[in-house]
Structures are given as structure tokens and as C-alpha cells.
Amino acid sequence: MKLGAGVAPVPEMLRLGIEVGLGTDGCASNNDLDLFGEMGMAARLHKVFTGDPTVLPAEKVVEMATIGGARVLGMSDRIGSITPGKEADIILVDIRKPHLTPLYRPFSHLVYAARGADVVTSIIGGRIVMKERRLLQIELAAVMEEVRMIADRIMEAGFHHKAGHL
């Protein structure tokens, strides 16, 4: 959407039996990389685009963002669902927040109300990498400073004049 590249016909693709995965593709076309935002946008966009409020149920959208993504990558035997023998990539979402209260339908809440900032714990490959919103594997301030320095070098090289203003 940001680049004006069009709308993938997701409901038609699903109807034809095509596997669909949902993700973020990088900062060039997505500034915040928040998969919750992508789930909500995909669901809402297709409801408006088709005029059908039932076209992409929340459960299907969550499936596209989890096991669907693993399937399109050919990795559904290793990731995408919580199954014995698969890599343990799990997030814990704090649902005790005003915008997530009351909770009637968990999948609907994940797609339409939750956002990345609601994730309190992240487990990747069975290792806890974030607990209670505290990163355990990296020093965030140091990484952010390094990124700022890289951005400054890019700007000094004149990249901002060529790239435009997306």
C-alpha cells in the first residue's frame, strides 16, 4: 500500500487453494514491522475491497500470519505452529489493557485490537529473548545508536536526495 503496488486478491487466492502467508517485508515499504497492524490491515482492506464483512475471518488472518507464512516458505515442518518437534517461537500478549478489554473473541482481538507493543514476552527457538518488555539478548540503546550512525553516513552520502520521501 505504501508503494502503491496494488492489492493482492487474497480471498480469490484462498478460494483457489493457493497458500497465503502474511508478513512484513522490510523497512523499505513498511516503517514499523508490526505484524498485528498487518493482520488488521489485511482483514479490513479485503472487507472494504470486496464489500463483504465476512470475507477474511480473523482466524484465517491469524493462520496466514503463522502456519500460512511457514507453508509459503516451505518450513511448516519446522515453524508456524506450536507442535512437538517444531522450533518454539512463541509470543505472550498482555490482554490486561483497556483496548483489549473486554475480551470476547481472542482471534478477533489479535487481528483488530492488539499491536506489537502488547507483546510482553518473546521466545525464539525455545530461548526467551524478551521478558516483561525487557530485551535479554541485545543492548537496545547501543543498537539504536549504531543504526543512527549508519543512517547519518547514508544521509551524508546523499541517499536522501535520490530516494524520495516515502
N, C-alpha and C. Protein backbone atom coordinates (compact mmCIF):
# COMPACT_ATOMS: atom_id res chain seq x y z
N MET A 1 0.82 -1.19 0.00
CA MET A 1 0.00 0.00 0.00
C MET A 1 0.86 1.25 0.00
N LYS A 2 1.92 1.25 0.78
CA LYS A 2 2.77 2.43 0.87
C LYS A 2 3.41 2.76 -0.47
N LEU A 3 3.77 1.73 -1.22
CA LEU A 3 4.41 1.93 -2.51
C LEU A 3 3.41 1.98 -3.65
N GLY A 4 2.12 1.83 -3.36
CA GLY A 4 1.09 1.89 -4.39
C GLY A 4 1.15 0.73 -5.36
N ALA A 5 1.56 -0.44 -4.88
CA ALA A 5 1.76 -1.60 -5.75
C ALA A 5 0.48 -2.39 -6.02
N GLY A 6 -0.63 -2.02 -5.40
CA GLY A 6 -1.88 -2.74 -5.64
C GLY A 6 -2.31 -3.58 -4.47
N VAL A 7 -3.37 -4.35 -4.71
CA VAL A 7 -3.94 -5.19 -3.66
C VAL A 7 -3.92 -6.64 -4.15
N ALA A 8 -3.26 -7.50 -3.41
CA ALA A 8 -3.26 -8.92 -3.76
C ALA A 8 -4.68 -9.46 -3.58
N PRO A 9 -5.16 -10.26 -4.51
CA PRO A 9 -6.53 -10.80 -4.41
C PRO A 9 -6.58 -11.98 -3.44
N VAL A 10 -6.31 -11.72 -2.18
CA VAL A 10 -6.19 -12.78 -1.17
C VAL A 10 -7.43 -13.67 -1.10
N PRO A 11 -8.64 -13.13 -1.00
CA PRO A 11 -9.80 -14.03 -0.93
C PRO A 11 -9.89 -14.98 -2.13
N GLU A 12 -9.60 -14.47 -3.31
CA GLU A 12 -9.64 -15.31 -4.52
C GLU A 12 -8.51 -16.34 -4.49
N MET A 13 -7.35 -15.94 -4.03
CA MET A 13 -6.23 -16.87 -3.91
C MET A 13 -6.58 -18.02 -2.97
N LEU A 14 -7.17 -17.68 -1.84
CA LEU A 14 -7.58 -18.72 -0.88
C LEU A 14 -8.64 -19.62 -1.48
N ARG A 15 -9.59 -19.03 -2.19
CA ARG A 15 -10.66 -19.81 -2.82
C ARG A 15 -10.09 -20.81 -3.82
N LEU A 16 -9.01 -20.44 -4.50
CA LEU A 16 -8.36 -21.31 -5.48
C LEU A 16 -7.41 -22.33 -4.84
N GLY A 17 -7.27 -22.27 -3.51
CA GLY A 17 -6.40 -23.21 -2.81
C GLY A 17 -4.95 -22.80 -2.76
N ILE A 18 -4.66 -21.57 -3.08
CA ILE A 18 -3.29 -21.06 -3.02
C ILE A 18 -2.94 -20.74 -1.57
N GLU A 19 -1.79 -21.20 -1.13
CA GLU A 19 -1.33 -20.88 0.22
C GLU A 19 -0.98 -19.40 0.29
N VAL A 20 -1.41 -18.74 1.34
CA VAL A 20 -1.13 -17.33 1.54
C VAL A 20 -0.45 -17.15 2.89
N GLY A 21 0.66 -16.44 2.88
CA GLY A 21 1.35 -16.09 4.11
C GLY A 21 1.31 -14.59 4.28
N LEU A 22 1.26 -14.14 5.49
CA LEU A 22 1.21 -12.71 5.79
C LEU A 22 2.42 -12.36 6.62
N GLY A 23 3.10 -11.28 6.24
CA GLY A 23 4.27 -10.87 7.00
C GLY A 23 4.59 -9.43 6.70
N THR A 24 5.72 -8.99 7.19
CA THR A 24 6.24 -7.66 6.86
C THR A 24 7.48 -7.88 6.02
N ASP A 25 7.68 -7.04 5.02
CA ASP A 25 8.76 -7.31 4.07
C ASP A 25 9.96 -6.40 4.22
N GLY A 26 9.98 -5.58 5.22
CA GLY A 26 11.14 -4.75 5.45
C GLY A 26 10.82 -3.27 5.48
N CYS A 27 11.74 -2.51 5.97
CA CYS A 27 11.53 -1.08 6.20
C CYS A 27 11.36 -0.25 4.93
N ALA A 28 11.74 -0.78 3.77
CA ALA A 28 11.59 -0.01 2.53
C ALA A 28 10.12 0.24 2.22
N SER A 29 9.26 -0.66 2.65
CA SER A 29 7.84 -0.48 2.35
C SER A 29 6.96 -0.63 3.59
N ASN A 30 7.56 -0.65 4.76
CA ASN A 30 6.80 -0.80 5.99
C ASN A 30 7.63 -0.24 7.13
N ASN A 31 7.22 0.85 7.70
CA ASN A 31 8.05 1.52 8.69
C ASN A 31 8.09 0.85 10.06
N ASP A 32 7.01 0.19 10.48
CA ASP A 32 7.02 -0.29 11.87
C ASP A 32 7.14 -1.79 12.04
N LEU A 33 7.01 -2.57 10.99
CA LEU A 33 7.19 -4.03 11.04
C LEU A 33 6.32 -4.69 12.11
N ASP A 34 5.13 -4.16 12.32
CA ASP A 34 4.20 -4.68 13.33
C ASP A 34 3.22 -5.64 12.67
N LEU A 35 3.40 -6.93 12.88
CA LEU A 35 2.56 -7.92 12.23
C LEU A 35 1.11 -7.82 12.67
N PHE A 36 0.88 -7.33 13.87
CA PHE A 36 -0.51 -7.12 14.30
C PHE A 36 -1.18 -6.08 13.41
N GLY A 37 -0.47 -5.01 13.12
CA GLY A 37 -1.00 -3.99 12.21
C GLY A 37 -1.26 -4.55 10.82
N GLU A 38 -0.37 -5.42 10.36
CA GLU A 38 -0.55 -6.04 9.04
C GLU A 38 -1.76 -6.95 9.02
N MET A 39 -1.99 -7.68 10.11
CA MET A 39 -3.18 -8.55 10.16
C MET A 39 -4.44 -7.70 10.08
N GLY A 40 -4.51 -6.64 10.87
CA GLY A 40 -5.68 -5.77 10.86
C GLY A 40 -5.90 -5.12 9.51
N MET A 41 -4.81 -4.66 8.90
CA MET A 41 -4.91 -4.00 7.60
C MET A 41 -5.39 -4.98 6.54
N ALA A 42 -4.83 -6.18 6.52
CA ALA A 42 -5.23 -7.18 5.52
C ALA A 42 -6.71 -7.52 5.67
N ALA A 43 -7.15 -7.72 6.89
CA ALA A 43 -8.55 -8.07 7.11
C ALA A 43 -9.48 -6.93 6.70
N ARG A 44 -9.17 -5.72 7.13
CA ARG A 44 -10.02 -4.58 6.81
C ARG A 44 -10.01 -4.24 5.32
N LEU A 45 -8.84 -4.27 4.73
CA LEU A 45 -8.70 -3.92 3.32
C LEU A 45 -9.58 -4.82 2.44
N HIS A 46 -9.56 -6.10 2.70
CA HIS A 46 -10.34 -7.01 1.86
C HIS A 46 -11.83 -6.93 2.13
N LYS A 47 -12.20 -6.56 3.34
CA LYS A 47 -13.62 -6.33 3.62
C LYS A 47 -14.12 -5.14 2.80
N VAL A 48 -13.34 -4.07 2.77
CA VAL A 48 -13.73 -2.89 2.01
C VAL A 48 -13.65 -3.16 0.51
N PHE A 49 -12.58 -3.81 0.10
CA PHE A 49 -12.33 -4.07 -1.32
C PHE A 49 -13.43 -4.94 -1.93
N THR A 50 -13.91 -5.94 -1.16
CA THR A 50 -14.93 -6.85 -1.67
C THR A 50 -16.34 -6.44 -1.30
N GLY A 51 -16.48 -5.57 -0.30
CA GLY A 51 -17.80 -5.21 0.19
C GLY A 51 -18.43 -6.31 1.04
N ASP A 52 -17.63 -7.27 1.46
CA ASP A 52 -18.11 -8.41 2.25
C ASP A 52 -17.42 -8.41 3.61
N PRO A 53 -18.16 -8.12 4.69
CA PRO A 53 -17.53 -8.08 6.01
C PRO A 53 -17.10 -9.44 6.55
N THR A 54 -17.48 -10.52 5.86
CA THR A 54 -17.11 -11.86 6.32
C THR A 54 -16.00 -12.48 5.48
N VAL A 55 -15.45 -11.73 4.53
CA VAL A 55 -14.54 -12.30 3.54
C VAL A 55 -13.27 -12.91 4.13
N LEU A 56 -12.67 -12.29 5.12
CA LEU A 56 -11.47 -12.83 5.75
C LEU A 56 -11.67 -12.88 7.26
N PRO A 57 -12.16 -14.01 7.77
CA PRO A 57 -12.36 -14.12 9.22
C PRO A 57 -11.04 -13.97 9.97
N ALA A 58 -11.10 -13.47 11.19
CA ALA A 58 -9.91 -13.24 12.00
C ALA A 58 -9.09 -14.52 12.15
N GLU A 59 -9.73 -15.65 12.31
CA GLU A 59 -9.00 -16.91 12.46
C GLU A 59 -8.14 -17.19 11.23
N LYS A 60 -8.68 -16.91 10.05
CA LYS A 60 -7.94 -17.13 8.81
C LYS A 60 -6.75 -16.18 8.71
N VAL A 61 -6.94 -14.95 9.14
CA VAL A 61 -5.86 -13.96 9.09
C VAL A 61 -4.72 -14.37 10.03
N VAL A 62 -5.05 -14.83 11.23
CA VAL A 62 -4.01 -15.30 12.16
C VAL A 62 -3.32 -16.52 11.57
N GLU A 63 -4.08 -17.39 10.93
CA GLU A 63 -3.47 -18.55 10.27
C GLU A 63 -2.48 -18.11 9.19
N MET A 64 -2.85 -17.12 8.40
CA MET A 64 -1.96 -16.62 7.35
C MET A 64 -0.67 -16.06 7.95
N ALA A 65 -0.75 -15.47 9.14
CA ALA A 65 0.41 -14.86 9.79
C ALA A 65 1.27 -15.88 10.54
N THR A 66 0.79 -17.09 10.70
CA THR A 66 1.54 -18.10 11.46
C THR A 66 1.88 -19.28 10.55
N ILE A 67 1.06 -20.30 10.57
CA ILE A 67 1.35 -21.51 9.78
C ILE A 67 1.30 -21.21 8.27
N GLY A 68 0.48 -20.26 7.85
CA GLY A 68 0.43 -19.89 6.42
C GLY A 68 1.77 -19.36 5.94
N GLY A 69 2.38 -18.50 6.75
CA GLY A 69 3.69 -17.98 6.40
C GLY A 69 4.72 -19.09 6.35
N ALA A 70 4.64 -20.02 7.29
CA ALA A 70 5.57 -21.16 7.29
C ALA A 70 5.37 -22.02 6.04
N ARG A 71 4.12 -22.22 5.65
CA ARG A 71 3.85 -23.04 4.45
C ARG A 71 4.43 -22.41 3.19
N VAL A 72 4.21 -21.11 3.00
CA VAL A 72 4.71 -20.48 1.77
C VAL A 72 6.24 -20.47 1.73
N LEU A 73 6.87 -20.54 2.88
CA LEU A 73 8.33 -20.60 2.94
C LEU A 73 8.85 -22.04 2.86
N GLY A 74 7.93 -23.01 2.82
CA GLY A 74 8.34 -24.41 2.79
C GLY A 74 8.92 -24.87 4.12
N MET A 75 8.49 -24.22 5.21
CA MET A 75 9.07 -24.51 6.52
C MET A 75 8.03 -24.98 7.54
N SER A 76 6.85 -25.39 7.08
CA SER A 76 5.78 -25.73 8.02
C SER A 76 6.10 -26.98 8.85
N ASP A 77 7.12 -27.72 8.46
CA ASP A 77 7.54 -28.86 9.28
C ASP A 77 8.40 -28.41 10.46
N ARG A 78 8.88 -27.16 10.43
CA ARG A 78 9.77 -26.66 11.48
C ARG A 78 9.19 -25.53 12.31
N ILE A 79 8.33 -24.69 11.69
CA ILE A 79 7.81 -23.50 12.37
C ILE A 79 6.34 -23.28 12.01
N GLY A 80 5.72 -22.32 12.63
CA GLY A 80 4.38 -21.89 12.24
C GLY A 80 3.26 -22.35 13.15
N SER A 81 3.53 -23.32 13.99
CA SER A 81 2.51 -23.78 14.94
C SER A 81 3.23 -24.35 16.15
N ILE A 82 2.50 -24.41 17.24
CA ILE A 82 3.08 -24.96 18.47
C ILE A 82 2.79 -26.45 18.47
N THR A 83 3.79 -27.20 18.03
CA THR A 83 3.67 -28.64 17.84
C THR A 83 4.95 -29.30 18.33
N PRO A 84 4.86 -30.44 19.00
CA PRO A 84 6.08 -31.13 19.44
C PRO A 84 7.04 -31.35 18.27
N GLY A 85 8.31 -31.02 18.50
CA GLY A 85 9.33 -31.20 17.48
C GLY A 85 9.61 -29.95 16.67
N LYS A 86 8.73 -28.96 16.71
CA LYS A 86 8.97 -27.72 15.98
C LYS A 86 9.73 -26.74 16.87
N GLU A 87 10.36 -25.74 16.21
CA GLU A 87 11.06 -24.70 16.96
C GLU A 87 10.04 -23.92 17.79
N ALA A 88 10.39 -23.62 19.00
CA ALA A 88 9.47 -22.92 19.89
C ALA A 88 9.61 -21.41 19.70
N ASP A 89 8.85 -20.87 18.76
CA ASP A 89 8.76 -19.43 18.55
C ASP A 89 7.39 -19.01 19.05
N ILE A 90 7.36 -18.33 20.17
CA ILE A 90 6.10 -18.04 20.85
C ILE A 90 6.14 -16.61 21.38
N ILE A 91 4.99 -15.93 21.31
CA ILE A 91 4.88 -14.63 21.96
C ILE A 91 3.78 -14.70 23.01
N LEU A 92 3.92 -13.91 24.05
CA LEU A 92 2.89 -13.75 25.07
C LEU A 92 2.36 -12.33 24.97
N VAL A 93 1.06 -12.19 24.87
CA VAL A 93 0.41 -10.90 24.72
C VAL A 93 -0.30 -10.55 26.02
N ASP A 94 -0.04 -9.34 26.51
CA ASP A 94 -0.72 -8.87 27.72
C ASP A 94 -2.11 -8.37 27.34
N ILE A 95 -3.13 -9.11 27.73
CA ILE A 95 -4.51 -8.73 27.37
C ILE A 95 -5.18 -7.90 28.46
N ARG A 96 -4.44 -7.53 29.49
CA ARG A 96 -5.00 -6.73 30.59
C ARG A 96 -4.82 -5.24 30.32
N LYS A 97 -5.26 -4.81 29.16
CA LYS A 97 -5.14 -3.40 28.78
C LYS A 97 -6.51 -2.89 28.35
N PRO A 98 -6.75 -1.60 28.50
CA PRO A 98 -8.07 -1.05 28.15
C PRO A 98 -8.51 -1.36 26.73
N HIS A 99 -7.61 -1.26 25.75
CA HIS A 99 -8.02 -1.50 24.37
C HIS A 99 -8.24 -2.98 24.06
N LEU A 100 -7.93 -3.85 25.01
CA LEU A 100 -8.17 -5.29 24.84
C LEU A 100 -9.22 -5.81 25.82
N THR A 101 -9.97 -4.90 26.40
CA THR A 101 -10.99 -5.26 27.39
C THR A 101 -12.35 -4.73 26.94
N PRO A 102 -13.39 -5.55 26.98
CA PRO A 102 -13.43 -6.96 27.35
C PRO A 102 -12.97 -7.84 26.19
N LEU A 103 -12.61 -9.05 26.50
CA LEU A 103 -12.13 -9.99 25.51
C LEU A 103 -13.22 -11.04 25.25
N TYR A 104 -13.85 -10.93 24.10
CA TYR A 104 -14.89 -11.89 23.73
C TYR A 104 -14.34 -12.95 22.79
N ARG A 105 -13.61 -12.52 21.77
CA ARG A 105 -13.09 -13.43 20.74
C ARG A 105 -11.59 -13.19 20.59
N PRO A 106 -10.77 -14.10 21.11
CA PRO A 106 -9.31 -13.89 21.09
C PRO A 106 -8.74 -13.63 19.69
N PHE A 107 -9.16 -14.38 18.67
CA PHE A 107 -8.61 -14.16 17.33
C PHE A 107 -8.98 -12.77 16.81
N SER A 108 -10.20 -12.37 17.05
CA SER A 108 -10.64 -11.04 16.63
C SER A 108 -9.82 -9.96 17.32
N HIS A 109 -9.54 -10.14 18.59
CA HIS A 109 -8.73 -9.17 19.32
C HIS A 109 -7.31 -9.10 18.76
N LEU A 110 -6.73 -10.25 18.43
CA LEU A 110 -5.38 -10.25 17.88
C LEU A 110 -5.33 -9.49 16.56
N VAL A 111 -6.37 -9.64 15.73
CA VAL A 111 -6.38 -9.01 14.41
C VAL A 111 -6.79 -7.54 14.47
N TYR A 112 -7.79 -7.20 15.25
CA TYR A 112 -8.37 -5.86 15.19
C TYR A 112 -7.98 -4.93 16.34
N ALA A 113 -7.45 -5.44 17.44
CA ALA A 113 -7.20 -4.57 18.59
C ALA A 113 -5.75 -4.61 19.09
N ALA A 114 -5.12 -5.77 19.04
CA ALA A 114 -3.76 -5.89 19.58
C ALA A 114 -2.75 -5.23 18.66
N ARG A 115 -1.60 -4.91 19.23
CA ARG A 115 -0.49 -4.36 18.46
C ARG A 115 0.81 -4.89 19.05
N GLY A 116 1.86 -4.69 18.31
CA GLY A 116 3.16 -5.23 18.73
C GLY A 116 3.56 -4.83 20.13
N ALA A 117 3.20 -3.63 20.55
CA ALA A 117 3.56 -3.16 21.89
C ALA A 117 2.86 -3.96 22.99
N ASP A 118 1.86 -4.76 22.63
CA ASP A 118 1.17 -5.59 23.62
C ASP A 118 1.91 -6.89 23.90
N VAL A 119 2.92 -7.21 23.10
CA VAL A 119 3.72 -8.41 23.33
C VAL A 119 4.64 -8.14 24.50
N VAL A 120 4.56 -8.99 25.51
CA VAL A 120 5.40 -8.79 26.70
C VAL A 120 6.56 -9.76 26.77
N THR A 121 6.41 -10.92 26.15
CA THR A 121 7.48 -11.92 26.16
C THR A 121 7.59 -12.54 24.77
N SER A 122 8.83 -12.70 24.30
CA SER A 122 9.09 -13.37 23.02
C SER A 122 10.06 -14.50 23.25
N ILE A 123 9.70 -15.65 22.71
CA ILE A 123 10.56 -16.83 22.79
C ILE A 123 10.88 -17.22 21.35
N ILE A 124 12.17 -17.31 21.03
CA ILE A 124 12.60 -17.68 19.68
C ILE A 124 13.48 -18.91 19.79
N GLY A 125 13.07 -19.96 19.10
CA GLY A 125 13.85 -21.20 19.14
C GLY A 125 13.98 -21.75 20.54
N GLY A 126 12.98 -21.51 21.36
CA GLY A 126 13.00 -22.01 22.73
C GLY A 126 13.75 -21.12 23.71
N ARG A 127 14.35 -20.02 23.22
CA ARG A 127 15.09 -19.10 24.09
C ARG A 127 14.28 -17.84 24.34
N ILE A 128 14.15 -17.44 25.58
CA ILE A 128 13.44 -16.20 25.89
C ILE A 128 14.35 -15.04 25.50
N VAL A 129 13.89 -14.22 24.54
CA VAL A 129 14.70 -13.09 24.09
C VAL A 129 14.16 -11.76 24.61
N MET A 130 12.88 -11.76 25.02
CA MET A 130 12.31 -10.58 25.65
C MET A 130 11.37 -11.07 26.75
N LYS A 131 11.51 -10.49 27.93
CA LYS A 131 10.66 -10.86 29.06
C LYS A 131 10.19 -9.58 29.73
N GLU A 132 8.87 -9.48 29.91
CA GLU A 132 8.27 -8.28 30.50
C GLU A 132 8.76 -7.01 29.79
N ARG A 133 8.82 -7.08 28.45
CA ARG A 133 9.21 -5.97 27.56
C ARG A 133 10.69 -5.58 27.71
N ARG A 134 11.48 -6.42 28.36
CA ARG A 134 12.91 -6.16 28.51
C ARG A 134 13.68 -7.12 27.62
N LEU A 135 14.49 -6.57 26.70
CA LEU A 135 15.30 -7.39 25.80
C LEU A 135 16.43 -8.05 26.60
N LEU A 136 16.62 -9.34 26.40
CA LEU A 136 17.62 -10.07 27.17
C LEU A 136 18.88 -10.39 26.38
N GLN A 137 18.82 -10.33 25.06
CA GLN A 137 19.94 -10.76 24.23
C GLN A 137 20.74 -9.60 23.63
N ILE A 138 20.16 -8.41 23.57
CA ILE A 138 20.87 -7.28 22.98
C ILE A 138 20.71 -6.04 23.85
N GLU A 139 21.64 -5.11 23.69
CA GLU A 139 21.57 -3.83 24.38
C GLU A 139 20.91 -2.85 23.42
N LEU A 140 19.64 -2.56 23.62
CA LEU A 140 18.85 -1.76 22.69
C LEU A 140 19.47 -0.38 22.44
N ALA A 141 19.87 0.30 23.47
CA ALA A 141 20.43 1.65 23.29
C ALA A 141 21.65 1.62 22.38
N ALA A 142 22.51 0.63 22.55
CA ALA A 142 23.71 0.53 21.72
C ALA A 142 23.35 0.23 20.26
N VAL A 143 22.39 -0.64 20.05
CA VAL A 143 21.96 -0.97 18.69
C VAL A 143 21.34 0.25 18.02
N MET A 144 20.50 0.97 18.74
CA MET A 144 19.86 2.16 18.17
C MET A 144 20.91 3.22 17.82
N GLU A 145 21.91 3.38 18.66
CA GLU A 145 22.97 4.35 18.37
C GLU A 145 23.74 3.94 17.12
N GLU A 146 24.03 2.66 16.99
CA GLU A 146 24.72 2.18 15.79
C GLU A 146 23.88 2.42 14.53
N VAL A 147 22.59 2.18 14.61
CA VAL A 147 21.71 2.42 13.47
C VAL A 147 21.67 3.91 13.12
N ARG A 148 21.63 4.78 14.13
CA ARG A 148 21.65 6.22 13.87
C ARG A 148 22.94 6.63 13.15
N MET A 149 24.05 6.05 13.56
CA MET A 149 25.33 6.37 12.91
C MET A 149 25.32 5.90 11.45
N ILE A 150 24.80 4.73 11.19
CA ILE A 150 24.69 4.22 9.82
C ILE A 150 23.79 5.13 9.00
N ALA A 151 22.66 5.54 9.58
CA ALA A 151 21.73 6.44 8.88
C ALA A 151 22.41 7.77 8.56
N ASP A 152 23.19 8.28 9.51
CA ASP A 152 23.91 9.55 9.26
C ASP A 152 24.87 9.40 8.09
N ARG A 153 25.57 8.28 8.03
CA ARG A 153 26.51 8.06 6.91
C ARG A 153 25.75 7.97 5.58
N ILE A 154 24.58 7.33 5.59
CA ILE A 154 23.77 7.24 4.37
C ILE A 154 23.32 8.63 3.94
N MET A 155 22.84 9.41 4.89
CA MET A 155 22.39 10.77 4.58
C MET A 155 23.54 11.63 4.06
N GLU A 156 24.72 11.50 4.67
CA GLU A 156 25.89 12.26 4.23
C GLU A 156 26.29 11.89 2.81
N ALA A 157 26.03 10.65 2.42
CA ALA A 157 26.40 10.19 1.08
C ALA A 157 25.39 10.67 0.03
N GLY A 158 24.35 11.36 0.48
CA GLY A 158 23.39 11.92 -0.46
C GLY A 158 22.24 11.02 -0.81
N PHE A 159 22.04 9.93 -0.08
CA PHE A 159 20.96 9.00 -0.37
C PHE A 159 19.59 9.67 -0.31
N HIS A 160 19.41 10.58 0.64
CA HIS A 160 18.09 11.22 0.82
C HIS A 160 17.63 11.98 -0.41
N HIS A 161 18.54 12.45 -1.23
CA HIS A 161 18.15 13.19 -2.44
C HIS A 161 17.65 12.25 -3.51
N LYS A 162 18.12 11.02 -3.53
CA LYS A 162 17.78 10.07 -4.58
C LYS A 162 16.55 9.24 -4.22
N ALA A 163 16.34 8.98 -2.95
CA ALA A 163 15.31 8.02 -2.53
C ALA A 163 13.91 8.59 -2.55
N GLY A 164 13.76 9.88 -2.51
CA GLY A 164 12.43 10.45 -2.43
C GLY A 164 11.95 10.47 -0.99
N HIS A 165 10.70 10.72 -0.81
CA HIS A 165 10.13 10.84 0.54
C HIS A 165 8.92 9.95 0.67
N LEU A 166 9.15 8.65 0.89
CA LEU A 166 8.06 7.72 1.09
C LEU A 166 7.54 7.92 2.48
